[in-house]
Amino acid sequence: MSDTNRPKPPQPKQEQAPPGQTMLMQPVPDHGEESYKGSGRLVGKVALITGGDSGIGRAVAIAFAREGADVLISYLNEHDDAKETARWVKEAGQKAIIVPGDIKSESFCIELVSRTVDELGGVDVLVNNAAFQRSYTDIDEIEDAEWDETFRTNIYAPFYLSKAAIPHMKPGSSIINTTSIQSRQPSSHLLAYAATKGAVSNFTAGLAAMVADKGIRVNAVAPGPIWTPLIPSTMPPEKTESFGKQTLIGRAGQPAELAGAYVLLAASEGSYITGAVIPVTGGEIMI
C-alpha cells in the first residue's frame, strides 16, 4: 500500500473486547504483508518479540523474517492472530515459534528466553513490544489492580526479559523497547499507560549505559497513534473514529510504517545507535 493510499479518518466506529482481534478491525491494519522487501540485513539472527501476534509486533516479525531472522513470537492468548504471524514468518523461509503466556510473570519471561535459546540457537534481538492500556476520565476509576497490571506488563516485563536475555547475548546484539509519544505527551485518559511509557524511555537510556561494555545496544521506538487491535479494544468508539486525525500527516500510522525503525536498530546499520528513542509519530513532536 502506498503512502498516499493509506486510510484516513474517519474510521468506522468500532469496539472490541480486550485484547482485540486483527481481522475484526475496520480497516484491517497493514503489517507489510504485501509491501516489505527484505535485503538480508538480519541473516542468521534470532529474535524474541513480545506482542508479536498482531499490530506492531506482527509487522516487526514479518520484516525481521524477510531480513533473514528466525523469530519467537510471545503473545497472551490471541491464538489465531499468532498463528497468522507465524505463517508469514514461515513463508519468508524462517523458523517461527509461538508461545502463549503472561509476561507479567518473571518465570514465564525466563521461559521465553530459554525456549528462544534452546529451540532457535540463541537470542540476538529482544523486542519488548507487548503493552497494556485502558482509557479513563477520572483517577478514581483506576483500580489498584489495573494500575499494577499496566506497570507489570509494560515495564516489569521488559526488565524481566532483559535480565534473562543479556547473559545469552553476544556483542552486536540489540534490545529494542517500544515506548510511545505518550512518554513525552501524556494524555490524561491514558494516565497509567503514559506513566509506564515514560519509565520505558528512562529504562532504555539507563540499560544502554549499563550494558555498553558488553557490546549490546539498547534503544526504543516511540510510536504515535498506530492502528492496532489495542485501539478498538481499549478506547471508546468515538475516539477510534477520529484516531490519528491530530497528526501532521492527518491519519493513524499503520504497523508496517514502523517496521523499518526496528530493523535499523537490530541490524549492523544501527551499530552506532544506543540509548536512543526513535519517534515514528506522524509528525507529533517529541522534544
C-alpha atoms as a PDB file:
ATOM      1  CA  MET A   1       0.000   0.000   0.000  1.00  0.00           C
ATOM      2  CA  SER A   2       1.476   3.373  -0.997  1.00  0.00           C
ATOM      3  CA  ASP A   3       1.627   6.231   1.489  1.00  0.00           C
ATOM      4  CA  THR A   4      -0.935   8.196  -0.492  1.00  0.00           C
ATOM      5  CA  ASN A   5      -3.423   5.296  -0.299  1.00  0.00           C
ATOM      6  CA  ARG A   6      -3.294   4.872   3.483  1.00  0.00           C
ATOM      7  CA  PRO A   7      -6.778   5.130   5.050  1.00  0.00           C
ATOM      8  CA  LYS A   8      -7.583   8.425   6.745  1.00  0.00           C
ATOM      9  CA  PRO A   9     -10.145   9.285   9.422  1.00  0.00           C
ATOM     10  CA  PRO A  10     -12.943   8.886   9.977  1.00  0.00           C
ATOM     11  CA  GLN A  11     -12.645   5.175  10.658  1.00  0.00           C
ATOM     12  CA  PRO A  12     -15.890   3.281  11.243  1.00  0.00           C
ATOM     13  CA  LYS A  13     -16.926   3.454  14.891  1.00  0.00           C
ATOM     14  CA  GLN A  14     -15.954   0.138  16.446  1.00  0.00           C
ATOM     15  CA  GLU A  15     -15.291  -1.551  19.736  1.00  0.00           C
ATOM     16  CA  GLN A  16     -13.861  -4.921  20.741  1.00  0.00           C
ATOM     17  CA  ALA A  17     -13.298  -6.847  23.930  1.00  0.00           C
ATOM     18  CA  PRO A  18      -9.644  -6.699  25.025  1.00  0.00           C
ATOM     19  CA  PRO A  19      -7.098  -7.649  23.809  1.00  0.00           C
ATOM     20  CA  GLY A  20      -8.775  -7.354  20.380  1.00  0.00           C
ATOM     21  CA  GLN A  21      -8.531  -9.282  17.114  1.00  0.00           C
ATOM     22  CA  THR A  22      -6.920  -8.071  13.914  1.00  0.00           C
ATOM     23  CA  MET A  23      -9.489  -9.403  11.448  1.00  0.00           C
ATOM     24  CA  LEU A  24     -12.369  -7.670  13.238  1.00  0.00           C
ATOM     25  CA  MET A  25     -10.847  -4.235  12.660  1.00  0.00           C
ATOM     26  CA  GLN A  26     -12.176  -1.850  10.004  1.00  0.00           C
ATOM     27  CA  PRO A  27      -9.984  -1.301   8.095  1.00  0.00           C
ATOM     28  CA  VAL A  28      -7.693  -4.264   8.750  1.00  0.00           C
ATOM     29  CA  PRO A  29      -4.175  -2.940   9.562  1.00  0.00           C
ATOM     30  CA  ASP A  30      -1.312  -3.195   7.096  1.00  0.00           C
ATOM     31  CA  HIS A  31       1.642  -5.105   8.571  1.00  0.00           C
ATOM     32  CA  GLY A  32       3.732  -5.068   5.409  1.00  0.00           C
ATOM     33  CA  GLU A  33       2.435  -8.422   4.222  1.00  0.00           C
ATOM     34  CA  GLU A  34       2.491  -7.303   0.609  1.00  0.00           C
ATOM     35  CA  SER A  35       4.968  -4.428   0.775  1.00  0.00           C
ATOM     36  CA  TYR A  36       8.000  -5.173   2.946  1.00  0.00           C
ATOM     37  CA  LYS A  37      11.002  -6.336   0.911  1.00  0.00           C
ATOM     38  CA  GLY A  38      13.983  -7.711   2.787  1.00  0.00           C
ATOM     39  CA  SER A  39      17.644  -7.258   1.874  1.00  0.00           C
ATOM     40  CA  GLY A  40      19.428  -9.753   4.121  1.00  0.00           C
ATOM     41  CA  ARG A  41      20.224  -7.380   6.973  1.00  0.00           C
ATOM     42  CA  LEU A  42      19.422  -9.909   9.719  1.00  0.00           C
ATOM     43  CA  VAL A  43      20.607 -13.170   8.171  1.00  0.00           C
ATOM     44  CA  GLY A  44      21.481 -15.704  10.855  1.00  0.00           C
ATOM     45  CA  LYS A  45      19.919 -13.663  13.667  1.00  0.00           C
ATOM     46  CA  VAL A  46      17.389 -14.864  16.236  1.00  0.00           C
ATOM     47  CA  ALA A  47      14.753 -12.502  17.620  1.00  0.00           C
ATOM     48  CA  LEU A  48      12.326 -12.729  20.529  1.00  0.00           C
ATOM     49  CA  ILE A  49       9.323 -10.422  20.051  1.00  0.00           C
ATOM     50  CA  THR A  50       6.661  -9.881  22.713  1.00  0.00           C
ATOM     51  CA  GLY A  51       3.211  -8.937  21.492  1.00  0.00           C
ATOM     52  CA  GLY A  52       4.238 -10.481  18.187  1.00  0.00           C
ATOM     53  CA  ASP A  53       0.782 -11.765  17.315  1.00  0.00           C
ATOM     54  CA  SER A  54      -0.602  -8.511  15.911  1.00  0.00           C
ATOM     55  CA  GLY A  55      -0.054  -4.813  15.364  1.00  0.00           C
ATOM     56  CA  ILE A  56       3.495  -3.511  15.567  1.00  0.00           C
ATOM     57  CA  GLY A  57       4.761  -6.889  16.760  1.00  0.00           C
ATOM     58  CA  ARG A  58       3.430  -8.658  13.673  1.00  0.00           C
ATOM     59  CA  ALA A  59       4.914  -6.042  11.370  1.00  0.00           C
ATOM     60  CA  VAL A  60       8.298  -6.406  13.070  1.00  0.00           C
ATOM     61  CA  ALA A  61       8.131 -10.213  12.884  1.00  0.00           C
ATOM     62  CA  ILE A  62       7.375 -10.110   9.155  1.00  0.00           C
ATOM     63  CA  ALA A  63      10.154  -7.606   8.484  1.00  0.00           C
ATOM     64  CA  PHE A  64      12.708  -9.481  10.593  1.00  0.00           C
ATOM     65  CA  ALA A  65      11.869 -12.753   8.838  1.00  0.00           C
ATOM     66  CA  ARG A  66      12.221 -11.184   5.398  1.00  0.00           C
ATOM     67  CA  GLU A  67      15.589  -9.828   6.515  1.00  0.00           C
ATOM     68  CA  GLY A  68      16.670 -13.373   7.415  1.00  0.00           C
ATOM     69  CA  ALA A  69      15.912 -13.784  11.148  1.00  0.00           C
ATOM     70  CA  ASP A  70      14.211 -16.657  12.952  1.00  0.00           C
ATOM     71  CA  VAL A  71      11.560 -15.446  15.383  1.00  0.00           C
ATOM     72  CA  LEU A  72       9.954 -16.494  18.665  1.00  0.00           C
ATOM     73  CA  ILE A  73       6.570 -14.811  18.965  1.00  0.00           C
ATOM     74  CA  SER A  74       5.325 -14.225  22.513  1.00  0.00           C
ATOM     75  CA  TYR A  75       1.654 -13.373  22.983  1.00  0.00           C
ATOM     76  CA  LEU A  76      -1.064 -13.519  25.636  1.00  0.00           C
ATOM     77  CA  ASN A  77      -3.970 -15.570  24.240  1.00  0.00           C
ATOM     78  CA  GLU A  78      -4.722 -14.290  20.717  1.00  0.00           C
ATOM     79  CA  HIS A  79      -4.069 -17.704  19.160  1.00  0.00           C
ATOM     80  CA  ASP A  80      -5.468 -17.053  15.671  1.00  0.00           C
ATOM     81  CA  ASP A  81      -3.506 -13.817  15.300  1.00  0.00           C
ATOM     82  CA  ALA A  82      -0.310 -15.512  16.472  1.00  0.00           C
ATOM     83  CA  LYS A  83      -0.728 -18.370  14.003  1.00  0.00           C
ATOM     84  CA  GLU A  84      -1.200 -15.861  11.194  1.00  0.00           C
ATOM     85  CA  THR A  85       2.002 -14.034  12.126  1.00  0.00           C
ATOM     86  CA  ALA A  86       3.872 -17.342  12.247  1.00  0.00           C
ATOM     87  CA  ARG A  87       2.524 -18.208   8.809  1.00  0.00           C
ATOM     88  CA  TRP A  88       4.049 -15.069   7.324  1.00  0.00           C
ATOM     89  CA  VAL A  89       7.389 -15.745   9.040  1.00  0.00           C
ATOM     90  CA  LYS A  90       7.475 -19.283   7.666  1.00  0.00           C
ATOM     91  CA  GLU A  91       6.500 -18.089   4.194  1.00  0.00           C
ATOM     92  CA  ALA A  92       9.641 -15.950   4.326  1.00  0.00           C
ATOM     93  CA  GLY A  93      11.623 -19.152   4.830  1.00  0.00           C
ATOM     94  CA  GLN A  94      12.375 -18.619   8.521  1.00  0.00           C
ATOM     95  CA  LYS A  95      11.590 -20.520  11.701  1.00  0.00           C
ATOM     96  CA  ALA A  96       8.691 -19.323  13.846  1.00  0.00           C
ATOM     97  CA  ILE A  97       7.797 -20.417  17.355  1.00  0.00           C
ATOM     98  CA  ILE A  98       4.620 -19.128  19.016  1.00  0.00           C
ATOM     99  CA  VAL A  99       4.381 -19.168  22.810  1.00  0.00           C
ATOM    100  CA  PRO A 100       1.248 -18.029  24.670  1.00  0.00           C
ATOM    101  CA  GLY A 101       1.514 -16.790  28.229  1.00  0.00           C
ATOM    102  CA  ASP A 102       1.557 -13.838  30.583  1.00  0.00           C
ATOM    103  CA  ILE A 103       4.727 -11.735  30.592  1.00  0.00           C
ATOM    104  CA  LYS A 104       3.729 -10.221  33.930  1.00  0.00           C
ATOM    105  CA  SER A 105       5.211 -13.435  35.348  1.00  0.00           C
ATOM    106  CA  GLU A 106       9.004 -13.410  35.740  1.00  0.00           C
ATOM    107  CA  SER A 107       9.125 -17.196  35.418  1.00  0.00           C
ATOM    108  CA  PHE A 108       7.330 -17.026  32.065  1.00  0.00           C
ATOM    109  CA  CYS A 109       9.782 -14.369  30.839  1.00  0.00           C
ATOM    110  CA  ILE A 110      12.676 -16.633  31.798  1.00  0.00           C
ATOM    111  CA  GLU A 111      10.955 -19.500  29.958  1.00  0.00           C
ATOM    112  CA  LEU A 112      10.613 -17.359  26.815  1.00  0.00           C
ATOM    113  CA  VAL A 113      14.330 -16.637  26.738  1.00  0.00           C
ATOM    114  CA  SER A 114      15.192 -20.285  27.468  1.00  0.00           C
ATOM    115  CA  ARG A 115      12.990 -21.533  24.652  1.00  0.00           C
ATOM    116  CA  THR A 116      14.446 -18.993  22.240  1.00  0.00           C
ATOM    117  CA  VAL A 117      17.974 -20.132  23.073  1.00  0.00           C
ATOM    118  CA  ASP A 118      17.179 -23.848  23.156  1.00  0.00           C
ATOM    119  CA  GLU A 119      14.980 -24.036  20.052  1.00  0.00           C
ATOM    120  CA  LEU A 120      16.451 -21.320  17.835  1.00  0.00           C
ATOM    121  CA  GLY A 121      20.074 -21.372  18.968  1.00  0.00           C
ATOM    122  CA  GLY A 122      20.465 -18.053  20.768  1.00  0.00           C
ATOM    123  CA  VAL A 123      18.990 -14.613  21.149  1.00  0.00           C
ATOM    124  CA  ASP A 124      20.441 -11.710  19.158  1.00  0.00           C
ATOM    125  CA  VAL A 125      17.498  -9.305  19.288  1.00  0.00           C
ATOM    126  CA  LEU A 126      14.969  -8.792  22.066  1.00  0.00           C
ATOM    127  CA  VAL A 127      11.952  -6.670  21.158  1.00  0.00           C
ATOM    128  CA  ASN A 128       9.987  -5.643  24.249  1.00  0.00           C
ATOM    129  CA  ASN A 129       6.806  -4.638  22.476  1.00  0.00           C
ATOM    130  CA  ALA A 130       3.754  -6.016  24.313  1.00  0.00           C
ATOM    131  CA  ALA A 131       1.692  -3.437  26.185  1.00  0.00           C
ATOM    132  CA  PHE A 132      -1.489  -2.988  28.194  1.00  0.00           C
ATOM    133  CA  GLN A 133      -3.635   0.135  28.355  1.00  0.00           C
ATOM    134  CA  ARG A 134      -7.095   1.303  29.339  1.00  0.00           C
ATOM    135  CA  SER A 135      -8.812   4.677  28.949  1.00  0.00           C
ATOM    136  CA  TYR A 136     -10.371   6.569  31.888  1.00  0.00           C
ATOM    137  CA  THR A 137     -11.588  10.103  32.547  1.00  0.00           C
ATOM    138  CA  ASP A 138     -11.078  10.146  36.327  1.00  0.00           C
ATOM    139  CA  ILE A 139      -8.324   8.754  38.546  1.00  0.00           C
ATOM    140  CA  ASP A 140     -10.983   7.285  40.849  1.00  0.00           C
ATOM    141  CA  GLU A 141     -11.933   4.897  38.037  1.00  0.00           C
ATOM    142  CA  ILE A 142      -8.497   3.273  38.004  1.00  0.00           C
ATOM    143  CA  GLU A 143      -8.362   0.352  40.388  1.00  0.00           C
ATOM    144  CA  ASP A 144      -5.124  -0.551  42.147  1.00  0.00           C
ATOM    145  CA  ALA A 145      -5.066  -3.951  40.435  1.00  0.00           C
ATOM    146  CA  GLU A 146      -5.249  -2.359  36.989  1.00  0.00           C
ATOM    147  CA  TRP A 147      -2.505   0.147  37.801  1.00  0.00           C
ATOM    148  CA  ASP A 148      -0.374  -2.812  38.875  1.00  0.00           C
ATOM    149  CA  GLU A 149      -1.235  -4.791  35.725  1.00  0.00           C
ATOM    150  CA  THR A 150      -0.238  -1.883  33.496  1.00  0.00           C
ATOM    151  CA  PHE A 151       3.149  -1.491  35.163  1.00  0.00           C
ATOM    152  CA  ARG A 152       3.822  -5.226  35.313  1.00  0.00           C
ATOM    153  CA  THR A 153       3.064  -5.653  31.614  1.00  0.00           C
ATOM    154  CA  ASN A 154       4.713  -2.515  30.271  1.00  0.00           C
ATOM    155  CA  ILE A 155       7.825  -2.055  32.425  1.00  0.00           C
ATOM    156  CA  TYR A 156       8.313  -5.065  34.733  1.00  0.00           C
ATOM    157  CA  ALA A 157       8.246  -7.480  31.774  1.00  0.00           C
ATOM    158  CA  PRO A 158      10.964  -5.648  29.790  1.00  0.00           C
ATOM    159  CA  PHE A 159      13.089  -5.726  32.955  1.00  0.00           C
ATOM    160  CA  TYR A 160      12.489  -9.468  33.458  1.00  0.00           C
ATOM    161  CA  LEU A 161      13.155 -10.279  29.806  1.00  0.00           C
ATOM    162  CA  SER A 162      16.244  -8.111  29.501  1.00  0.00           C
ATOM    163  CA  LYS A 163      17.676  -9.579  32.689  1.00  0.00           C
ATOM    164  CA  ALA A 164      17.123 -13.102  31.364  1.00  0.00           C
ATOM    165  CA  ALA A 165      18.343 -12.400  27.817  1.00  0.00           C
ATOM    166  CA  ILE A 166      21.514 -10.372  28.414  1.00  0.00           C
ATOM    167  CA  PRO A 167      23.622 -13.328  29.658  1.00  0.00           C
ATOM    168  CA  HIS A 168      22.930 -15.060  26.325  1.00  0.00           C
ATOM    169  CA  MET A 169      23.638 -12.032  24.136  1.00  0.00           C
ATOM    170  CA  LYS A 170      26.867 -11.625  22.218  1.00  0.00           C
ATOM    171  CA  PRO A 171      28.480  -8.313  21.251  1.00  0.00           C
ATOM    172  CA  GLY A 172      26.424  -6.768  18.467  1.00  0.00           C
ATOM    173  CA  SER A 173      23.143  -7.888  19.978  1.00  0.00           C
ATOM    174  CA  SER A 174      20.284  -5.461  20.400  1.00  0.00           C
ATOM    175  CA  ILE A 175      17.416  -4.777  22.800  1.00  0.00           C
ATOM    176  CA  ILE A 176      14.596  -2.688  21.335  1.00  0.00           C
ATOM    177  CA  ASN A 177      11.840  -1.374  23.573  1.00  0.00           C
ATOM    178  CA  THR A 178       8.541   0.036  22.373  1.00  0.00           C
ATOM    179  CA  THR A 179       7.854   3.278  24.205  1.00  0.00           C
ATOM    180  CA  SER A 180       5.355   5.887  22.955  1.00  0.00           C
ATOM    181  CA  ILE A 181       4.785   9.531  22.219  1.00  0.00           C
ATOM    182  CA  GLN A 182       2.798   9.283  25.460  1.00  0.00           C
ATOM    183  CA  SER A 183       6.149   9.247  27.270  1.00  0.00           C
ATOM    184  CA  ARG A 184       6.571  12.923  26.303  1.00  0.00           C
ATOM    185  CA  GLN A 185       2.996  13.992  25.595  1.00  0.00           C
ATOM    186  CA  PRO A 186       0.869  12.136  28.157  1.00  0.00           C
ATOM    187  CA  SER A 187      -2.882  12.064  27.596  1.00  0.00           C
ATOM    188  CA  SER A 188      -4.917  12.322  30.783  1.00  0.00           C
ATOM    189  CA  HIS A 189      -7.200   9.448  29.760  1.00  0.00           C
ATOM    190  CA  LEU A 190      -4.155   7.148  29.472  1.00  0.00           C
ATOM    191  CA  LEU A 191      -2.650   8.030  32.837  1.00  0.00           C
ATOM    192  CA  ALA A 192      -1.254   4.612  33.773  1.00  0.00           C
ATOM    193  CA  TYR A 193      -0.097   3.719  30.255  1.00  0.00           C
ATOM    194  CA  ALA A 194       1.645   7.059  29.712  1.00  0.00           C
ATOM    195  CA  ALA A 195       3.423   6.755  33.064  1.00  0.00           C
ATOM    196  CA  THR A 196       4.784   3.333  32.113  1.00  0.00           C
ATOM    197  CA  LYS A 197       5.999   4.596  28.747  1.00  0.00           C
ATOM    198  CA  GLY A 198       7.936   7.373  30.473  1.00  0.00           C
ATOM    199  CA  ALA A 199       9.525   4.641  32.553  1.00  0.00           C
ATOM    200  CA  VAL A 200      10.324   2.585  29.430  1.00  0.00           C
ATOM    201  CA  SER A 201      12.192   5.507  27.851  1.00  0.00           C
ATOM    202  CA  ASN A 202      14.169   6.052  31.046  1.00  0.00           C
ATOM    203  CA  PHE A 203      14.849   2.315  31.371  1.00  0.00           C
ATOM    204  CA  THR A 204      16.157   2.295  27.800  1.00  0.00           C
ATOM    205  CA  ALA A 205      18.708   5.030  28.464  1.00  0.00           C
ATOM    206  CA  GLY A 206      19.876   3.554  31.763  1.00  0.00           C
ATOM    207  CA  LEU A 207      20.189  -0.005  30.475  1.00  0.00           C
ATOM    208  CA  ALA A 208      22.085   1.205  27.393  1.00  0.00           C
ATOM    209  CA  ALA A 209      24.749   2.655  29.673  1.00  0.00           C
ATOM    210  CA  MET A 210      24.781  -0.448  31.865  1.00  0.00           C
ATOM    211  CA  VAL A 211      25.471  -2.925  29.033  1.00  0.00           C
ATOM    212  CA  ALA A 212      27.538  -0.809  26.656  1.00  0.00           C
ATOM    213  CA  ASP A 213      30.744  -2.555  27.695  1.00  0.00           C
ATOM    214  CA  LYS A 214      29.170  -5.888  26.709  1.00  0.00           C
ATOM    215  CA  GLY A 215      28.694  -4.642  23.150  1.00  0.00           C
ATOM    216  CA  ILE A 216      24.899  -4.757  23.480  1.00  0.00           C
ATOM    217  CA  ARG A 217      22.887  -1.826  22.188  1.00  0.00           C
ATOM    218  CA  VAL A 218      19.597  -0.737  23.805  1.00  0.00           C
ATOM    219  CA  ASN A 219      17.191   1.590  22.034  1.00  0.00           C
ATOM    220  CA  ALA A 220      13.494   2.346  21.786  1.00  0.00           C
ATOM    221  CA  VAL A 221      10.939   3.190  19.134  1.00  0.00           C
ATOM    222  CA  ALA A 222       8.266   5.715  20.103  1.00  0.00           C
ATOM    223  CA  PRO A 223       5.108   5.212  18.033  1.00  0.00           C
ATOM    224  CA  GLY A 224       2.476   7.860  17.708  1.00  0.00           C
ATOM    225  CA  PRO A 225      -1.134   6.825  17.024  1.00  0.00           C
ATOM    226  CA  ILE A 226      -0.867   3.431  15.296  1.00  0.00           C
ATOM    227  CA  TRP A 227      -3.843   1.422  14.042  1.00  0.00           C
ATOM    228  CA  THR A 228      -3.682  -1.847  16.011  1.00  0.00           C
ATOM    229  CA  PRO A 229      -6.183  -4.030  17.944  1.00  0.00           C
ATOM    230  CA  LEU A 230      -5.207  -2.132  21.090  1.00  0.00           C
ATOM    231  CA  ILE A 231      -7.201   0.863  19.827  1.00  0.00           C
ATOM    232  CA  PRO A 232     -10.753  -0.510  19.360  1.00  0.00           C
ATOM    233  CA  SER A 233     -10.301  -2.781  22.384  1.00  0.00           C
ATOM    234  CA  THR A 234      -9.306  -0.010  24.815  1.00  0.00           C
ATOM    235  CA  MET A 235     -10.856   3.216  23.538  1.00  0.00           C
ATOM    236  CA  PRO A 236     -14.478   4.358  23.182  1.00  0.00           C
ATOM    237  CA  PRO A 237     -15.927   4.205  19.640  1.00  0.00           C
ATOM    238  CA  GLU A 238     -15.942   7.989  19.194  1.00  0.00           C
ATOM    239  CA  LYS A 239     -12.181   8.085  19.761  1.00  0.00           C
ATOM    240  CA  THR A 240     -11.494   5.248  17.327  1.00  0.00           C
ATOM    241  CA  GLU A 241     -13.455   7.139  14.676  1.00  0.00           C
ATOM    242  CA  SER A 242     -11.094  10.140  14.762  1.00  0.00           C
ATOM    243  CA  PHE A 243      -7.964   8.246  15.808  1.00  0.00           C
ATOM    244  CA  GLY A 244      -4.828   9.757  14.248  1.00  0.00           C
ATOM    245  CA  LYS A 245      -6.538  12.842  12.851  1.00  0.00           C
ATOM    246  CA  GLN A 246      -4.460  15.196  15.033  1.00  0.00           C
ATOM    247  CA  THR A 247      -1.117  14.289  13.416  1.00  0.00           C
ATOM    248  CA  LEU A 248       0.610  16.419  10.783  1.00  0.00           C
ATOM    249  CA  ILE A 249       0.082  13.598   8.299  1.00  0.00           C
ATOM    250  CA  GLY A 250      -3.598  13.576   9.262  1.00  0.00           C
ATOM    251  CA  ARG A 251      -4.105   9.877   9.910  1.00  0.00           C
ATOM    252  CA  ALA A 252      -3.137   6.956  12.096  1.00  0.00           C
ATOM    253  CA  GLY A 253       0.026   5.118  11.212  1.00  0.00           C
ATOM    254  CA  GLN A 254      -0.037   1.542  10.001  1.00  0.00           C
ATOM    255  CA  PRO A 255       2.122  -1.092  11.752  1.00  0.00           C
ATOM    256  CA  ALA A 256       4.091  -1.574   8.530  1.00  0.00           C
ATOM    257  CA  GLU A 257       5.303   2.006   8.793  1.00  0.00           C
ATOM    258  CA  LEU A 258       7.253   1.237  11.979  1.00  0.00           C
ATOM    259  CA  ALA A 259       8.988  -1.946  10.890  1.00  0.00           C
ATOM    260  CA  GLY A 260      11.932  -0.182   9.257  1.00  0.00           C
ATOM    261  CA  ALA A 261      12.868   1.554  12.519  1.00  0.00           C
ATOM    262  CA  TYR A 262      13.091  -1.764  14.338  1.00  0.00           C
ATOM    263  CA  VAL A 263      15.126  -3.307  11.516  1.00  0.00           C
ATOM    264  CA  LEU A 264      17.580  -0.402  11.633  1.00  0.00           C
ATOM    265  CA  LEU A 265      18.065  -0.811  15.389  1.00  0.00           C
ATOM    266  CA  ALA A 266      18.509  -4.582  15.077  1.00  0.00           C
ATOM    267  CA  ALA A 267      20.905  -4.511  12.120  1.00  0.00           C
ATOM    268  CA  SER A 268      24.554  -3.567  11.736  1.00  0.00           C
ATOM    269  CA  GLU A 269      23.454  -0.344  10.032  1.00  0.00           C
ATOM    270  CA  GLY A 270      22.429   0.828  13.509  1.00  0.00           C
ATOM    271  CA  SER A 271      25.739  -0.075  15.131  1.00  0.00           C
ATOM    272  CA  TYR A 272      26.400   3.491  16.401  1.00  0.00           C
ATOM    273  CA  ILE A 273      22.926   3.969  17.867  1.00  0.00           C
ATOM    274  CA  THR A 274      22.356   3.194  21.536  1.00  0.00           C
ATOM    275  CA  GLY A 275      20.372   4.847  24.311  1.00  0.00           C
ATOM    276  CA  ALA A 276      18.206   6.472  21.652  1.00  0.00           C
ATOM    277  CA  VAL A 277      14.464   6.859  21.144  1.00  0.00           C
ATOM    278  CA  ILE A 278      13.336   6.960  17.520  1.00  0.00           C
ATOM    279  CA  PRO A 279       9.982   8.751  17.107  1.00  0.00           C
ATOM    280  CA  VAL A 280       7.591   7.394  14.471  1.00  0.00           C
ATOM    281  CA  THR A 281       4.710   9.703  15.228  1.00  0.00           C
ATOM    282  CA  GLY A 282       3.211  11.107  12.044  1.00  0.00           C
ATOM    283  CA  GLY A 283       4.706  14.490  12.875  1.00  0.00           C
ATOM    284  CA  GLU A 284       3.697  14.781  16.531  1.00  0.00           C
ATOM    285  CA  ILE A 285       6.722  16.417  18.132  1.00  0.00           C
ATOM    286  CA  MET A 286       8.866  14.718  20.771  1.00  0.00           C
ATOM    287  CA  ILE A 287      11.319  17.208  22.263  1.00  0.00           C
END
